[in-house]
């Protein structure tokens, strides 16, 4: 008795182009844009302020790197990585004055709170978010009012 072969034909209702798009969406991470306010944020000297920043489309940033910095990427204002705040390498002038607000982290909200605002805090800030090889950033301006 000879072995009997079986040929199975499967028909997909999707075209090959659509199937490729579906597979690409499943296998490749989604792209995102980092968005900050269009206008400068004004803070009062000695008070606290919040620098808004979020991802679009809305997605969880809980497992992403969120880095707030001024002019140098390496010396940061605040760093969230591996699911927790990282302080080694933080700019000394921000020590114990910053907090990444985590309430909206799973929705892509990554605002930075700065306590006890100083005149030297005024200027540009970059909100940088990275998920593996995909990243984005936005620049925002902080103005300090008061005496």
Protein backbone atom coordinates (compact mmCIF):
# COMPACT_ATOMS: atom_id res chain seq x y z
CA UNK A 1 0.00 0.00 0.00
CA UNK A 2 1.39 3.36 -1.00
CA UNK A 3 1.14 6.45 1.24
CA UNK A 4 -1.64 8.80 0.36
CA UNK A 5 -0.80 12.50 0.13
CA UNK A 6 -3.12 15.27 1.06
CA UNK A 7 -3.05 18.78 -0.30
CA UNK A 8 -4.76 21.45 1.73
CA UNK A 9 -5.83 24.64 0.04
CA UNK A 10 -6.66 27.60 2.24
CA UNK A 11 -8.30 30.66 0.83
CA UNK A 12 -7.99 33.93 2.67
CA UNK A 13 -10.77 36.46 2.28
CA UNK A 14 -8.13 39.21 2.54
CA UNK A 15 -6.00 40.37 -0.34
CA UNK A 16 -2.27 39.83 0.07
CA UNK A 17 -1.73 43.60 0.41
CA UNK A 18 -4.25 43.87 3.24
CA UNK A 19 -2.79 40.80 4.92
CA UNK A 20 0.65 42.44 4.84
CA UNK A 21 -0.73 45.60 6.47
CA UNK A 22 -2.43 43.58 9.20
CA UNK A 23 0.76 41.60 9.87
CA UNK A 24 2.82 44.79 9.92
CA UNK A 25 0.52 46.31 12.52
CA UNK A 26 0.78 43.21 14.68
CA UNK A 27 4.55 42.76 14.43
CA UNK A 28 5.84 46.33 14.48
CA UNK A 29 5.39 48.79 17.35
CA UNK A 30 3.05 51.69 16.78
CA UNK A 31 4.48 55.08 15.97
CA UNK A 32 3.65 58.05 18.15
CA UNK A 33 4.14 61.78 18.35
CA UNK A 34 5.16 63.60 21.52
CA UNK A 35 3.05 66.70 22.09
CA UNK A 36 3.53 69.64 24.44
CA UNK A 37 1.69 72.92 24.89
CA UNK A 38 1.72 75.40 22.02
CA UNK A 39 2.28 78.33 24.38
CA UNK A 40 4.87 78.87 27.11
CA UNK A 41 4.04 77.60 30.61
CA UNK A 42 4.18 80.33 33.26
CA UNK A 43 5.19 79.41 36.80
CA UNK A 44 5.31 81.51 39.96
CA UNK A 45 8.64 81.85 41.74
CA UNK A 46 8.74 79.58 44.81
CA UNK A 47 5.63 77.62 43.78
CA UNK A 48 5.30 74.34 41.88
CA UNK A 49 4.35 73.91 38.26
CA UNK A 50 3.50 71.16 35.82
CA UNK A 51 5.01 70.85 32.35
CA UNK A 52 2.46 69.02 30.17
CA UNK A 53 3.51 66.37 27.67
CA UNK A 54 1.60 63.47 26.10
CA UNK A 55 1.70 60.87 23.36
CA UNK A 56 -0.53 60.87 20.31
CA UNK A 57 -2.20 58.58 19.61
CA UNK A 58 -2.89 57.82 23.24
CA UNK A 59 -0.96 54.73 24.39
CA UNK A 60 0.70 53.50 27.54
CA UNK A 61 4.09 54.99 28.36
CA UNK A 62 4.51 52.80 31.46
CA UNK A 63 7.24 50.68 29.84
CA UNK A 64 8.85 53.48 27.84
CA UNK A 65 11.72 55.79 28.70
CA UNK A 66 10.59 59.32 29.53
CA UNK A 67 13.43 61.83 29.76
CA UNK A 68 13.01 65.51 30.57
CA UNK A 69 16.13 67.55 29.87
CA UNK A 70 17.36 71.04 29.08
CA UNK A 71 20.34 71.43 26.77
CA UNK A 72 22.14 68.14 27.40
CA UNK A 73 20.55 64.73 26.85
CA UNK A 74 22.88 62.97 29.30
CA UNK A 75 22.42 65.30 32.28
CA UNK A 76 18.67 65.28 32.74
CA UNK A 77 16.03 67.13 34.72
CA UNK A 78 14.11 63.88 35.30
CA UNK A 79 14.35 60.32 33.97
CA UNK A 80 11.78 57.52 34.10
CA UNK A 81 13.06 54.20 32.77
CA UNK A 82 12.45 50.50 33.44
CA UNK A 83 9.19 51.35 35.20
CA UNK A 84 10.71 53.67 37.80
CA UNK A 85 12.30 57.05 38.37
CA UNK A 86 16.08 57.12 37.92
CA UNK A 87 18.12 59.73 39.77
CA UNK A 88 21.73 58.83 38.97
CA UNK A 89 22.91 61.50 36.53
CA UNK A 90 20.16 63.98 37.39
CA UNK A 91 21.16 67.65 37.24
CA UNK A 92 21.99 68.62 40.85
CA UNK A 93 19.86 71.77 40.71
CA UNK A 94 16.74 69.59 40.26
CA UNK A 95 17.55 67.07 43.03
CA UNK A 96 14.38 66.32 45.05
CA UNK A 97 12.42 68.95 43.10
CA UNK A 98 10.99 66.91 40.22
CA UNK A 99 8.34 64.26 39.84
CA UNK A 100 6.98 62.50 36.77
CA UNK A 101 3.23 62.41 37.35
CA UNK A 102 2.22 58.81 36.80
CA UNK A 103 -1.57 58.96 37.14
CA UNK A 104 -2.03 59.17 33.36
CA UNK A 105 1.02 57.15 32.32
CA UNK A 106 -1.06 54.32 30.84
CA UNK A 107 -2.87 56.89 28.67
CA UNK A 108 0.36 58.43 27.39
CA UNK A 109 0.39 61.44 29.71
CA UNK A 110 3.93 62.16 30.96
CA UNK A 111 3.85 65.59 32.66
CA UNK A 112 6.70 66.77 34.85
CA UNK A 113 6.10 68.54 38.16
CA UNK A 114 8.82 70.91 39.34
CA UNK A 115 8.70 72.03 42.97
CA UNK A 116 9.98 75.29 44.48
CA UNK A 117 10.38 77.10 41.16
CA UNK A 118 13.60 79.11 40.86
CA UNK A 119 14.49 81.91 38.47
CA UNK A 120 17.12 79.58 36.91
CA UNK A 121 14.34 77.12 35.94
CA UNK A 122 13.21 79.51 33.22
CA UNK A 123 13.94 78.41 29.66
CA UNK A 124 13.45 75.52 27.27
CA UNK A 125 12.68 71.92 28.27
CA UNK A 126 12.59 68.83 26.08
CA UNK A 127 10.20 65.96 26.74
CA UNK A 128 11.72 62.88 25.11
CA UNK A 129 9.89 59.53 24.98
CA UNK A 130 11.40 56.32 23.61
CA UNK A 131 9.95 52.86 23.05
CA UNK A 132 12.76 50.56 21.88
CA UNK A 133 13.88 52.10 18.57
CA UNK A 134 10.97 54.49 18.18
CA UNK A 135 11.18 57.87 19.85
CA UNK A 136 9.84 61.38 19.74
CA UNK A 137 10.32 64.66 21.53
CA UNK A 138 8.81 68.07 21.95
CA UNK A 139 10.18 71.38 23.20
CA UNK A 140 8.37 73.67 25.58
CA UNK A 141 9.18 76.93 27.28
CA UNK A 142 8.89 77.68 31.00
CA UNK A 143 8.61 81.30 32.08
CA UNK A 144 9.02 82.30 35.72
CA UNK A 145 6.98 85.18 37.12
CA UNK A 146 7.21 86.87 40.52
CA UNK A 147 9.99 88.27 42.62
